[in-house]
Amino acid sequence: MITTELQGFLFVVIKFVSDIAMLILLIRYVAAPFLYTQAGPFLQAINQAAMGMSRPFHRVTYWIGFRKSDVSPLAAILAILVVRGALFTLVPASFGASALDRMALLWGQQQSFVLGCTSLLRLTALVLFFSIMFAKAGGFYGSVFFRVVDDVAAAVFGHVRKVLHLKNLWALLAGGLAYVCLMYAAALCLLWWDIHFPFFWAQGALTALAAILYAMIILTFIFIAVSWISLFSAPEESNRAWLFLQAMVRPALERCRRLLPWARIGMLDLSPMAFFLALFLGLAIMGMFQRLVVQSLAGSGGMVPF
């Protein structure tokens, strides 16, 4: 028998390790055309790790009929989700053998797949956002990361443009996020055998926006820190990491400086602090709406998978 704190810790560890493994496999599947050309040591290591994890499933997927494309990484991700669901079942079962019943096994599998869908939603939202920011910055490709982001986003935006003929990039981003949230809500309805589609869609939209805000907070902090360090040693303008930070953060900071001219006092620029506060305020608003959605879902008798 273990304590509640240790149970929560084990739950987080299982989720973290499985998420990392699935991310490695997903990178291998999506970036496979680029991993053998211009791939650095880091991506080569990811490729080798993914091939090792997916090798047991390669022959099975070949026998099933996938002979033109290698879907063994996806089969490995499916296996990880199933194993993780079984481990999720064992964590609450530590309080007693009676917890190991059919409903507990079903709960573990449902929770594992729902968390997998949520992680994939966050990742896709970030990819779409990064792609739009790359396009706004004029594009600076040449590495595997930028090519993969562009290809994945182009596939999602292509589906959106079949229905909505959007030309504005921000409208296209909104349409892309709405599209992936629709798929997320449909997946949750199937996983939880629930019909509260609007609630799941709203939860997915808030989750996607919160992921973008979290990413912007981290990137803005790094950008400001590097800018301060660059007073002594400026980064090379051709550095892709620096170009990435500039594309993500500089447009928002410049707009903030235009809106708040009083925030600049001599050499001291307080506009980044105002931008930080705006991002944290946005996160707080997202959290408030998420709680409202969860309360409404619980009040209507629906499953609350969060």
C-alpha atoms as a PDB file:
ATOM      1  CA  MET A   1       0.000   0.000   0.000  1.00  0.00           C
ATOM      2  CA  ILE A   2       1.405   3.423  -0.956  1.00  0.00           C
ATOM      3  CA  THR A   3       0.484   6.950   0.002  1.00  0.00           C
ATOM      4  CA  THR A   4      -1.505   9.341  -2.174  1.00  0.00           C
ATOM      5  CA  GLU A   5       1.586  11.510  -2.713  1.00  0.00           C
ATOM      6  CA  LEU A   6       3.638   8.574  -3.965  1.00  0.00           C
ATOM      7  CA  GLN A   7       0.757   7.487  -6.179  1.00  0.00           C
ATOM      8  CA  GLY A   8       0.626  10.966  -7.743  1.00  0.00           C
ATOM      9  CA  PHE A   9       4.390  10.921  -8.247  1.00  0.00           C
ATOM     10  CA  LEU A  10       4.269   7.526  -9.969  1.00  0.00           C
ATOM     11  CA  PHE A  11       1.425   8.740 -12.171  1.00  0.00           C
ATOM     12  CA  VAL A  12       3.490  11.767 -13.269  1.00  0.00           C
ATOM     13  CA  VAL A  13       6.613   9.655 -13.883  1.00  0.00           C
ATOM     14  CA  ILE A  14       4.715   7.127 -15.995  1.00  0.00           C
ATOM     15  CA  LYS A  15       3.111   9.915 -18.030  1.00  0.00           C
ATOM     16  CA  PHE A  16       6.391  11.805 -18.520  1.00  0.00           C
ATOM     17  CA  VAL A  17       8.424   8.778 -19.626  1.00  0.00           C
ATOM     18  CA  SER A  18       5.702   7.543 -21.967  1.00  0.00           C
ATOM     19  CA  ASP A  19       5.206  11.023 -23.455  1.00  0.00           C
ATOM     20  CA  ILE A  20       8.933  11.311 -24.209  1.00  0.00           C
ATOM     21  CA  ALA A  21       8.973   7.869 -25.840  1.00  0.00           C
ATOM     22  CA  MET A  22       5.902   8.670 -27.957  1.00  0.00           C
ATOM     23  CA  LEU A  23       7.375  12.035 -28.982  1.00  0.00           C
ATOM     24  CA  ILE A  24      10.545  10.305 -30.184  1.00  0.00           C
ATOM     25  CA  LEU A  25       8.459   7.857 -32.217  1.00  0.00           C
ATOM     26  CA  LEU A  26       6.287  10.651 -33.599  1.00  0.00           C
ATOM     27  CA  ILE A  27       9.364  12.605 -34.715  1.00  0.00           C
ATOM     28  CA  ARG A  28      10.649   9.467 -36.411  1.00  0.00           C
ATOM     29  CA  TYR A  29       7.362   8.965 -38.256  1.00  0.00           C
ATOM     30  CA  VAL A  30       6.816  12.589 -39.311  1.00  0.00           C
ATOM     31  CA  ALA A  31      10.423  13.530 -40.025  1.00  0.00           C
ATOM     32  CA  ALA A  32      11.461  10.254 -41.664  1.00  0.00           C
ATOM     33  CA  PRO A  33      12.089  11.831 -45.114  1.00  0.00           C
ATOM     34  CA  PHE A  34      14.551  14.321 -43.583  1.00  0.00           C
ATOM     35  CA  LEU A  35      16.340  12.241 -40.947  1.00  0.00           C
ATOM     36  CA  TYR A  36      18.837  10.827 -43.432  1.00  0.00           C
ATOM     37  CA  THR A  37      19.793  14.192 -44.962  1.00  0.00           C
ATOM     38  CA  GLN A  38      21.192  17.148 -43.054  1.00  0.00           C
ATOM     39  CA  ALA A  39      20.307  15.555 -39.707  1.00  0.00           C
ATOM     40  CA  GLY A  40      22.533  16.502 -36.795  1.00  0.00           C
ATOM     41  CA  PRO A  41      23.733  14.201 -33.992  1.00  0.00           C
ATOM     42  CA  PHE A  42      20.660  14.923 -31.870  1.00  0.00           C
ATOM     43  CA  LEU A  43      18.155  13.934 -34.562  1.00  0.00           C
ATOM     44  CA  GLN A  44      20.260  10.934 -35.495  1.00  0.00           C
ATOM     45  CA  ALA A  45      20.123   9.790 -31.858  1.00  0.00           C
ATOM     46  CA  ILE A  46      16.326  10.255 -31.873  1.00  0.00           C
ATOM     47  CA  ASN A  47      16.117   8.267 -35.091  1.00  0.00           C
ATOM     48  CA  GLN A  48      18.144   5.399 -33.664  1.00  0.00           C
ATOM     49  CA  ALA A  49      16.102   5.309 -30.454  1.00  0.00           C
ATOM     50  CA  ALA A  50      12.833   5.340 -32.405  1.00  0.00           C
ATOM     51  CA  MET A  51      13.995   2.587 -34.729  1.00  0.00           C
ATOM     52  CA  GLY A  52      14.904   0.474 -31.725  1.00  0.00           C
ATOM     53  CA  MET A  53      11.457   0.942 -30.164  1.00  0.00           C
ATOM     54  CA  SER A  54       9.541   0.372 -33.404  1.00  0.00           C
ATOM     55  CA  ARG A  55      11.595  -2.555 -34.746  1.00  0.00           C
ATOM     56  CA  PRO A  56       9.420  -5.251 -33.053  1.00  0.00           C
ATOM     57  CA  PHE A  57       6.354  -3.831 -34.845  1.00  0.00           C
ATOM     58  CA  HIS A  58       7.868  -3.473 -38.297  1.00  0.00           C
ATOM     59  CA  ARG A  59       7.181  -7.051 -39.407  1.00  0.00           C
ATOM     60  CA  VAL A  60       3.667  -7.019 -37.937  1.00  0.00           C
ATOM     61  CA  THR A  61       2.675  -3.832 -39.801  1.00  0.00           C
ATOM     62  CA  TYR A  62       4.213  -5.263 -42.983  1.00  0.00           C
ATOM     63  CA  TRP A  63       2.087  -8.422 -42.688  1.00  0.00           C
ATOM     64  CA  ILE A  64      -1.053  -6.353 -42.033  1.00  0.00           C
ATOM     65  CA  GLY A  65      -0.582  -4.609 -45.367  1.00  0.00           C
ATOM     66  CA  PHE A  66       1.425  -1.426 -44.783  1.00  0.00           C
ATOM     67  CA  ARG A  67       4.183  -2.221 -47.274  1.00  0.00           C
ATOM     68  CA  LYS A  68       4.692   1.128 -48.980  1.00  0.00           C
ATOM     69  CA  SER A  69       4.968   3.226 -45.821  1.00  0.00           C
ATOM     70  CA  ASP A  70       6.546   2.351 -42.477  1.00  0.00           C
ATOM     71  CA  VAL A  71       3.855   2.783 -39.806  1.00  0.00           C
ATOM     72  CA  SER A  72       5.724   0.775 -37.167  1.00  0.00           C
ATOM     73  CA  PRO A  73       6.342   3.964 -35.078  1.00  0.00           C
ATOM     74  CA  LEU A  74       2.567   4.489 -34.895  1.00  0.00           C
ATOM     75  CA  ALA A  75       2.092   0.863 -33.855  1.00  0.00           C
ATOM     76  CA  ALA A  76       4.718   1.386 -31.151  1.00  0.00           C
ATOM     77  CA  ILE A  77       2.866   4.495 -29.933  1.00  0.00           C
ATOM     78  CA  LEU A  78      -0.352   2.477 -29.726  1.00  0.00           C
ATOM     79  CA  ALA A  79       1.437  -0.199 -27.701  1.00  0.00           C
ATOM     80  CA  ILE A  80       2.855   2.441 -25.332  1.00  0.00           C
ATOM     81  CA  LEU A  81      -0.636   3.858 -24.763  1.00  0.00           C
ATOM     82  CA  VAL A  82      -1.984   0.401 -23.916  1.00  0.00           C
ATOM     83  CA  VAL A  83       0.904  -0.394 -21.550  1.00  0.00           C
ATOM     84  CA  ARG A  84       0.563   3.024 -19.925  1.00  0.00           C
ATOM     85  CA  GLY A  85      -3.139   2.398 -19.385  1.00  0.00           C
ATOM     86  CA  ALA A  86      -2.300  -0.857 -17.610  1.00  0.00           C
ATOM     87  CA  LEU A  87       0.236   0.937 -15.407  1.00  0.00           C
ATOM     88  CA  PHE A  88      -2.316   3.659 -14.613  1.00  0.00           C
ATOM     89  CA  THR A  89      -4.609   0.884 -13.402  1.00  0.00           C
ATOM     90  CA  LEU A  90      -1.922  -0.538 -11.115  1.00  0.00           C
ATOM     91  CA  VAL A  91      -1.304   2.808  -9.386  1.00  0.00           C
ATOM     92  CA  PRO A  92      -4.768   3.135  -7.759  1.00  0.00           C
ATOM     93  CA  ALA A  93      -4.874  -0.648  -7.376  1.00  0.00           C
ATOM     94  CA  SER A  94      -2.039  -0.352  -4.852  1.00  0.00           C
ATOM     95  CA  PHE A  95      -4.681   0.582  -2.276  1.00  0.00           C
ATOM     96  CA  GLY A  96      -6.190  -2.873  -2.471  1.00  0.00           C
ATOM     97  CA  ALA A  97      -6.645  -5.893  -4.720  1.00  0.00           C
ATOM     98  CA  SER A  98     -10.343  -5.062  -5.154  1.00  0.00           C
ATOM     99  CA  ALA A  99      -9.382  -2.091  -7.358  1.00  0.00           C
ATOM    100  CA  LEU A 100      -8.176  -4.485 -10.064  1.00  0.00           C
ATOM    101  CA  ASP A 101     -11.559  -5.027 -11.659  1.00  0.00           C
ATOM    102  CA  ARG A 102     -12.896  -4.599 -15.176  1.00  0.00           C
ATOM    103  CA  MET A 103     -13.906  -0.959 -14.659  1.00  0.00           C
ATOM    104  CA  ALA A 104     -10.462  -0.058 -13.313  1.00  0.00           C
ATOM    105  CA  LEU A 105      -8.800  -1.602 -16.367  1.00  0.00           C
ATOM    106  CA  LEU A 106     -11.175   0.298 -18.635  1.00  0.00           C
ATOM    107  CA  TRP A 107     -10.511   3.555 -16.762  1.00  0.00           C
ATOM    108  CA  GLY A 108      -6.757   3.118 -17.124  1.00  0.00           C
ATOM    109  CA  GLN A 109      -6.969   2.625 -20.879  1.00  0.00           C
ATOM    110  CA  GLN A 110      -9.376   5.530 -21.325  1.00  0.00           C
ATOM    111  CA  GLN A 111      -7.219   7.863 -19.248  1.00  0.00           C
ATOM    112  CA  SER A 112      -4.086   6.857 -21.147  1.00  0.00           C
ATOM    113  CA  PHE A 113      -5.624   7.509 -24.564  1.00  0.00           C
ATOM    114  CA  VAL A 114      -7.282  10.767 -23.442  1.00  0.00           C
ATOM    115  CA  LEU A 115      -3.966  12.083 -22.112  1.00  0.00           C
ATOM    116  CA  GLY A 116      -2.337  11.019 -25.374  1.00  0.00           C
ATOM    117  CA  CYS A 117      -4.934  12.976 -27.363  1.00  0.00           C
ATOM    118  CA  THR A 118      -4.401  16.012 -25.130  1.00  0.00           C
ATOM    119  CA  SER A 119      -0.612  15.909 -25.579  1.00  0.00           C
ATOM    120  CA  LEU A 120      -1.039  15.560 -29.342  1.00  0.00           C
ATOM    121  CA  LEU A 121      -3.449  18.514 -29.363  1.00  0.00           C
ATOM    122  CA  ARG A 122      -0.946  20.729 -27.528  1.00  0.00           C
ATOM    123  CA  LEU A 123       1.853  19.684 -29.864  1.00  0.00           C
ATOM    124  CA  THR A 124      -0.232  20.295 -32.986  1.00  0.00           C
ATOM    125  CA  ALA A 125      -1.348  23.706 -31.715  1.00  0.00           C
ATOM    126  CA  LEU A 126       2.288  24.721 -31.202  1.00  0.00           C
ATOM    127  CA  VAL A 127       3.241  23.454 -34.661  1.00  0.00           C
ATOM    128  CA  LEU A 128       0.465  25.502 -36.285  1.00  0.00           C
ATOM    129  CA  PHE A 129       1.427  28.604 -34.305  1.00  0.00           C
ATOM    130  CA  PHE A 130       5.132  28.231 -35.118  1.00  0.00           C
ATOM    131  CA  SER A 131       4.337  27.768 -38.800  1.00  0.00           C
ATOM    132  CA  ILE A 132       2.310  30.994 -38.942  1.00  0.00           C
ATOM    133  CA  MET A 133       5.058  32.902 -37.132  1.00  0.00           C
ATOM    134  CA  PHE A 134       7.644  31.486 -39.568  1.00  0.00           C
ATOM    135  CA  ALA A 135       5.507  32.688 -42.455  1.00  0.00           C
ATOM    136  CA  LYS A 136       5.090  36.134 -40.871  1.00  0.00           C
ATOM    137  CA  ALA A 137       8.876  36.331 -40.473  1.00  0.00           C
ATOM    138  CA  GLY A 138       9.384  35.595 -44.162  1.00  0.00           C
ATOM    139  CA  GLY A 139      10.502  31.976 -43.767  1.00  0.00           C
ATOM    140  CA  PHE A 140      13.971  30.854 -42.797  1.00  0.00           C
ATOM    141  CA  TYR A 141      14.160  27.174 -43.639  1.00  0.00           C
ATOM    142  CA  GLY A 142      17.067  24.828 -44.139  1.00  0.00           C
ATOM    143  CA  SER A 143      16.859  22.557 -41.110  1.00  0.00           C
ATOM    144  CA  VAL A 144      14.828  19.447 -40.355  1.00  0.00           C
ATOM    145  CA  PHE A 145      12.839  21.193 -37.606  1.00  0.00           C
ATOM    146  CA  PHE A 146      11.534  23.988 -39.836  1.00  0.00           C
ATOM    147  CA  ARG A 147      10.724  21.605 -42.701  1.00  0.00           C
ATOM    148  CA  VAL A 148       8.759  19.219 -40.478  1.00  0.00           C
ATOM    149  CA  VAL A 149       6.808  22.059 -38.840  1.00  0.00           C
ATOM    150  CA  ASP A 150       5.966  23.485 -42.253  1.00  0.00           C
ATOM    151  CA  ASP A 151       4.892  20.109 -43.698  1.00  0.00           C
ATOM    152  CA  VAL A 152       2.659  19.176 -40.743  1.00  0.00           C
ATOM    153  CA  ALA A 153       1.049  22.613 -40.664  1.00  0.00           C
ATOM    154  CA  ALA A 154       0.524  22.571 -44.443  1.00  0.00           C
ATOM    155  CA  ALA A 155      -1.389  19.287 -44.126  1.00  0.00           C
ATOM    156  CA  VAL A 156      -3.739  20.723 -41.463  1.00  0.00           C
ATOM    157  CA  PHE A 157      -4.180  24.055 -43.248  1.00  0.00           C
ATOM    158  CA  GLY A 158      -4.891  22.181 -46.482  1.00  0.00           C
ATOM    159  CA  HIS A 159      -7.928  20.506 -44.880  1.00  0.00           C
ATOM    160  CA  VAL A 160      -9.118  23.869 -43.539  1.00  0.00           C
ATOM    161  CA  ARG A 161      -8.806  25.563 -46.933  1.00  0.00           C
ATOM    162  CA  LYS A 162     -11.010  22.915 -48.533  1.00  0.00           C
ATOM    163  CA  VAL A 163     -13.886  24.226 -46.423  1.00  0.00           C
ATOM    164  CA  LEU A 164     -12.898  27.833 -45.685  1.00  0.00           C
ATOM    165  CA  HIS A 165     -11.048  29.838 -48.321  1.00  0.00           C
ATOM    166  CA  LEU A 166      -8.957  31.874 -45.899  1.00  0.00           C
ATOM    167  CA  LYS A 167      -6.118  34.138 -46.965  1.00  0.00           C
ATOM    168  CA  ASN A 168      -5.314  35.952 -43.728  1.00  0.00           C
ATOM    169  CA  LEU A 169      -2.694  34.004 -41.764  1.00  0.00           C
ATOM    170  CA  TRP A 170      -4.251  34.646 -38.351  1.00  0.00           C
ATOM    171  CA  ALA A 171      -7.664  33.554 -39.644  1.00  0.00           C
ATOM    172  CA  LEU A 172      -5.999  30.435 -41.053  1.00  0.00           C
ATOM    173  CA  LEU A 173      -4.424  29.735 -37.656  1.00  0.00           C
ATOM    174  CA  ALA A 174      -7.814  30.133 -35.956  1.00  0.00           C
ATOM    175  CA  GLY A 175      -9.381  27.779 -38.501  1.00  0.00           C
ATOM    176  CA  GLY A 176      -6.583  25.242 -38.034  1.00  0.00           C
ATOM    177  CA  LEU A 177      -6.936  25.295 -34.242  1.00  0.00           C
ATOM    178  CA  ALA A 178     -10.721  24.925 -34.536  1.00  0.00           C
ATOM    179  CA  TYR A 179     -10.203  21.970 -36.897  1.00  0.00           C
ATOM    180  CA  VAL A 180      -7.810  20.058 -34.621  1.00  0.00           C
ATOM    181  CA  CYS A 181     -10.073  20.798 -31.629  1.00  0.00           C
ATOM    182  CA  LEU A 182     -13.001  19.261 -33.522  1.00  0.00           C
ATOM    183  CA  MET A 183     -10.980  16.083 -34.046  1.00  0.00           C
ATOM    184  CA  TYR A 184      -9.940  16.154 -30.387  1.00  0.00           C
ATOM    185  CA  ALA A 185     -13.557  16.489 -29.234  1.00  0.00           C
ATOM    186  CA  ALA A 186     -14.659  13.653 -31.526  1.00  0.00           C
ATOM    187  CA  ALA A 187     -11.895  11.428 -30.141  1.00  0.00           C
ATOM    188  CA  LEU A 188     -12.960  12.161 -26.542  1.00  0.00           C
ATOM    189  CA  CYS A 189     -16.597  11.410 -27.343  1.00  0.00           C
ATOM    190  CA  LEU A 190     -15.533   7.997 -28.645  1.00  0.00           C
ATOM    191  CA  LEU A 191     -13.110   7.283 -25.800  1.00  0.00           C
ATOM    192  CA  TRP A 192     -15.525   8.255 -23.024  1.00  0.00           C
ATOM    193  CA  TRP A 193     -18.728   7.080 -24.786  1.00  0.00           C
ATOM    194  CA  ASP A 194     -20.094  10.563 -24.187  1.00  0.00           C
ATOM    195  CA  ILE A 195     -22.117  12.948 -26.353  1.00  0.00           C
ATOM    196  CA  HIS A 196     -21.069  16.264 -24.765  1.00  0.00           C
ATOM    197  CA  PHE A 197     -19.210  17.324 -27.898  1.00  0.00           C
ATOM    198  CA  PRO A 198     -19.385  21.161 -27.375  1.00  0.00           C
ATOM    199  CA  PHE A 199     -17.853  20.871 -23.901  1.00  0.00           C
ATOM    200  CA  PHE A 200     -14.984  18.719 -25.175  1.00  0.00           C
ATOM    201  CA  TRP A 201     -14.409  21.122 -28.070  1.00  0.00           C
ATOM    202  CA  ALA A 202     -14.295  24.106 -25.707  1.00  0.00           C
ATOM    203  CA  GLN A 203     -11.899  22.272 -23.390  1.00  0.00           C
ATOM    204  CA  GLY A 204      -9.689  21.429 -26.352  1.00  0.00           C
ATOM    205  CA  ALA A 205      -9.666  25.024 -27.602  1.00  0.00           C
ATOM    206  CA  LEU A 206      -8.710  26.339 -24.159  1.00  0.00           C
ATOM    207  CA  THR A 207      -6.002  23.673 -23.831  1.00  0.00           C
ATOM    208  CA  ALA A 208      -4.524  24.599 -27.224  1.00  0.00           C
ATOM    209  CA  LEU A 209      -4.507  28.324 -26.436  1.00  0.00           C
ATOM    210  CA  ALA A 210      -2.962  27.696 -23.014  1.00  0.00           C
ATOM    211  CA  ALA A 211      -0.184  25.658 -24.635  1.00  0.00           C
ATOM    212  CA  ILE A 212       0.617  28.570 -26.972  1.00  0.00           C
ATOM    213  CA  LEU A 213       0.646  31.024 -24.061  1.00  0.00           C
ATOM    214  CA  TYR A 214       2.958  28.760 -22.030  1.00  0.00           C
ATOM    215  CA  ALA A 215       5.319  28.485 -24.989  1.00  0.00           C
ATOM    216  CA  MET A 216       5.322  32.261 -25.488  1.00  0.00           C
ATOM    217  CA  ILE A 217       6.163  32.841 -21.816  1.00  0.00           C
ATOM    218  CA  ILE A 218       9.141  30.483 -22.007  1.00  0.00           C
ATOM    219  CA  LEU A 219      10.360  31.834 -25.363  1.00  0.00           C
ATOM    220  CA  THR A 220       9.979  35.459 -24.243  1.00  0.00           C
ATOM    221  CA  PHE A 221      11.990  34.779 -21.096  1.00  0.00           C
ATOM    222  CA  ILE A 222      14.762  33.132 -23.132  1.00  0.00           C
ATOM    223  CA  PHE A 223      14.701  35.961 -25.708  1.00  0.00           C
ATOM    224  CA  ILE A 224      15.060  38.651 -23.043  1.00  0.00           C
ATOM    225  CA  ALA A 225      17.831  36.733 -21.275  1.00  0.00           C
ATOM    226  CA  VAL A 226      19.750  36.269 -24.536  1.00  0.00           C
ATOM    227  CA  SER A 227      19.208  39.937 -25.420  1.00  0.00           C
ATOM    228  CA  TRP A 228      20.727  40.987 -22.117  1.00  0.00           C
ATOM    229  CA  ILE A 229      23.664  38.638 -22.611  1.00  0.00           C
ATOM    230  CA  SER A 230      24.087  39.914 -26.179  1.00  0.00           C
ATOM    231  CA  LEU A 231      25.031  43.302 -24.756  1.00  0.00           C
ATOM    232  CA  PHE A 232      28.408  41.671 -24.124  1.00  0.00           C
ATOM    233  CA  SER A 233      28.453  38.979 -26.817  1.00  0.00           C
ATOM    234  CA  ALA A 234      25.878  39.304 -29.610  1.00  0.00           C
ATOM    235  CA  PRO A 235      24.649  36.030 -31.194  1.00  0.00           C
ATOM    236  CA  GLU A 236      25.273  35.506 -34.886  1.00  0.00           C
ATOM    237  CA  GLU A 237      22.390  36.654 -37.059  1.00  0.00           C
ATOM    238  CA  SER A 238      22.597  33.397 -39.034  1.00  0.00           C
ATOM    239  CA  ASN A 239      22.078  31.308 -35.888  1.00  0.00           C
ATOM    240  CA  ARG A 240      18.823  29.386 -36.451  1.00  0.00           C
ATOM    241  CA  ALA A 241      17.974  29.281 -32.744  1.00  0.00           C
ATOM    242  CA  TRP A 242      18.294  33.074 -32.562  1.00  0.00           C
ATOM    243  CA  LEU A 243      16.238  33.465 -35.741  1.00  0.00           C
ATOM    244  CA  PHE A 244      13.569  31.229 -34.203  1.00  0.00           C
ATOM    245  CA  LEU A 245      13.425  33.342 -31.033  1.00  0.00           C
ATOM    246  CA  GLN A 246      13.240  36.542 -33.055  1.00  0.00           C
ATOM    247  CA  ALA A 247      10.413  35.225 -35.220  1.00  0.00           C
ATOM    248  CA  MET A 248       8.422  34.082 -32.178  1.00  0.00           C
ATOM    249  CA  VAL A 249       8.902  36.989 -29.790  1.00  0.00           C
ATOM    250  CA  ARG A 250      10.084  40.177 -31.512  1.00  0.00           C
ATOM    251  CA  PRO A 251       6.789  41.010 -33.369  1.00  0.00           C
ATOM    252  CA  ALA A 252       4.802  40.829 -30.113  1.00  0.00           C
ATOM    253  CA  LEU A 253       7.377  42.895 -28.200  1.00  0.00           C
ATOM    254  CA  GLU A 254       7.521  45.562 -30.909  1.00  0.00           C
ATOM    255  CA  ARG A 255       3.732  45.852 -30.899  1.00  0.00           C
ATOM    256  CA  CYS A 256       3.781  46.095 -27.121  1.00  0.00           C
ATOM    257  CA  ARG A 257       6.351  48.926 -27.343  1.00  0.00           C
ATOM    258  CA  ARG A 258       4.131  50.801 -29.792  1.00  0.00           C
ATOM    259  CA  LEU A 259       1.090  50.394 -27.547  1.00  0.00           C
ATOM    260  CA  LEU A 260       3.001  51.390 -24.406  1.00  0.00           C
ATOM    261  CA  PRO A 261       5.437  54.172 -25.350  1.00  0.00           C
ATOM    262  CA  TRP A 262       5.587  55.308 -21.733  1.00  0.00           C
ATOM    263  CA  ALA A 263       7.116  51.949 -20.735  1.00  0.00           C
ATOM    264  CA  ARG A 264      10.496  53.011 -22.102  1.00  0.00           C
ATOM    265  CA  ILE A 265      12.397  55.192 -19.627  1.00  0.00           C
ATOM    266  CA  GLY A 266      15.776  56.087 -21.047  1.00  0.00           C
ATOM    267  CA  MET A 267      17.734  52.840 -21.473  1.00  0.00           C
ATOM    268  CA  LEU A 268      15.198  50.952 -19.364  1.00  0.00           C
ATOM    269  CA  ASP A 269      12.481  49.163 -21.362  1.00  0.00           C
ATOM    270  CA  LEU A 270       9.580  47.877 -19.253  1.00  0.00           C
ATOM    271  CA  SER A 271       7.411  46.743 -22.182  1.00  0.00           C
ATOM    272  CA  PRO A 272       8.631  43.092 -21.915  1.00  0.00           C
ATOM    273  CA  MET A 273       7.364  43.053 -18.320  1.00  0.00           C
ATOM    274  CA  ALA A 274       3.989  44.318 -19.527  1.00  0.00           C
ATOM    275  CA  PHE A 275       3.978  41.581 -22.164  1.00  0.00           C
ATOM    276  CA  PHE A 276       4.760  38.985 -19.485  1.00  0.00           C
ATOM    277  CA  LEU A 277       1.872  40.232 -17.364  1.00  0.00           C
ATOM    278  CA  ALA A 278      -0.452  40.052 -20.364  1.00  0.00           C
ATOM    279  CA  LEU A 279       0.594  36.440 -21.033  1.00  0.00           C
ATOM    280  CA  PHE A 280       0.064  35.412 -17.401  1.00  0.00           C
ATOM    281  CA  LEU A 281      -3.291  37.209 -17.387  1.00  0.00           C
ATOM    282  CA  GLY A 282      -4.241  35.243 -20.510  1.00  0.00           C
ATOM    283  CA  LEU A 283      -3.276  31.994 -18.755  1.00  0.00           C
ATOM    284  CA  ALA A 284      -5.379  32.929 -15.744  1.00  0.00           C
ATOM    285  CA  ILE A 285      -8.366  33.630 -18.000  1.00  0.00           C
ATOM    286  CA  MET A 286      -7.846  30.277 -19.780  1.00  0.00           C
ATOM    287  CA  GLY A 287      -7.754  28.514 -16.409  1.00  0.00           C
ATOM    288  CA  MET A 288     -10.950  30.252 -15.284  1.00  0.00           C
ATOM    289  CA  PHE A 289     -12.798  29.226 -18.439  1.00  0.00           C
ATOM    290  CA  GLN A 290     -11.459  25.663 -18.158  1.00  0.00           C
ATOM    291  CA  ARG A 291     -12.863  25.385 -14.643  1.00  0.00           C
ATOM    292  CA  LEU A 292     -16.207  26.684 -15.886  1.00  0.00           C
ATOM    293  CA  VAL A 293     -16.236  24.105 -18.682  1.00  0.00           C
ATOM    294  CA  VAL A 294     -15.366  21.275 -16.280  1.00  0.00           C
ATOM    295  CA  GLN A 295     -18.057  22.379 -13.822  1.00  0.00           C
ATOM    296  CA  SER A 296     -20.632  22.620 -16.613  1.00  0.00           C
ATOM    297  CA  LEU A 297     -19.622  19.193 -17.922  1.00  0.00           C
ATOM    298  CA  ALA A 298     -19.858  17.626 -14.472  1.00  0.00           C
ATOM    299  CA  GLY A 299     -23.200  19.324 -13.835  1.00  0.00           C
ATOM    300  CA  SER A 300     -24.631  17.938 -17.072  1.00  0.00           C
ATOM    301  CA  GLY A 301     -23.642  14.399 -16.153  1.00  0.00           C
ATOM    302  CA  GLY A 302     -20.751  14.071 -18.592  1.00  0.00           C
ATOM    303  CA  MET A 303     -17.381  12.469 -18.013  1.00  0.00           C
ATOM    304  CA  VAL A 304     -14.632  14.816 -16.813  1.00  0.00           C
ATOM    305  CA  PRO A 305     -11.367  13.409 -18.183  1.00  0.00           C
ATOM    306  CA  PHE A 306      -9.086  16.061 -16.715  1.00  0.00           C
END
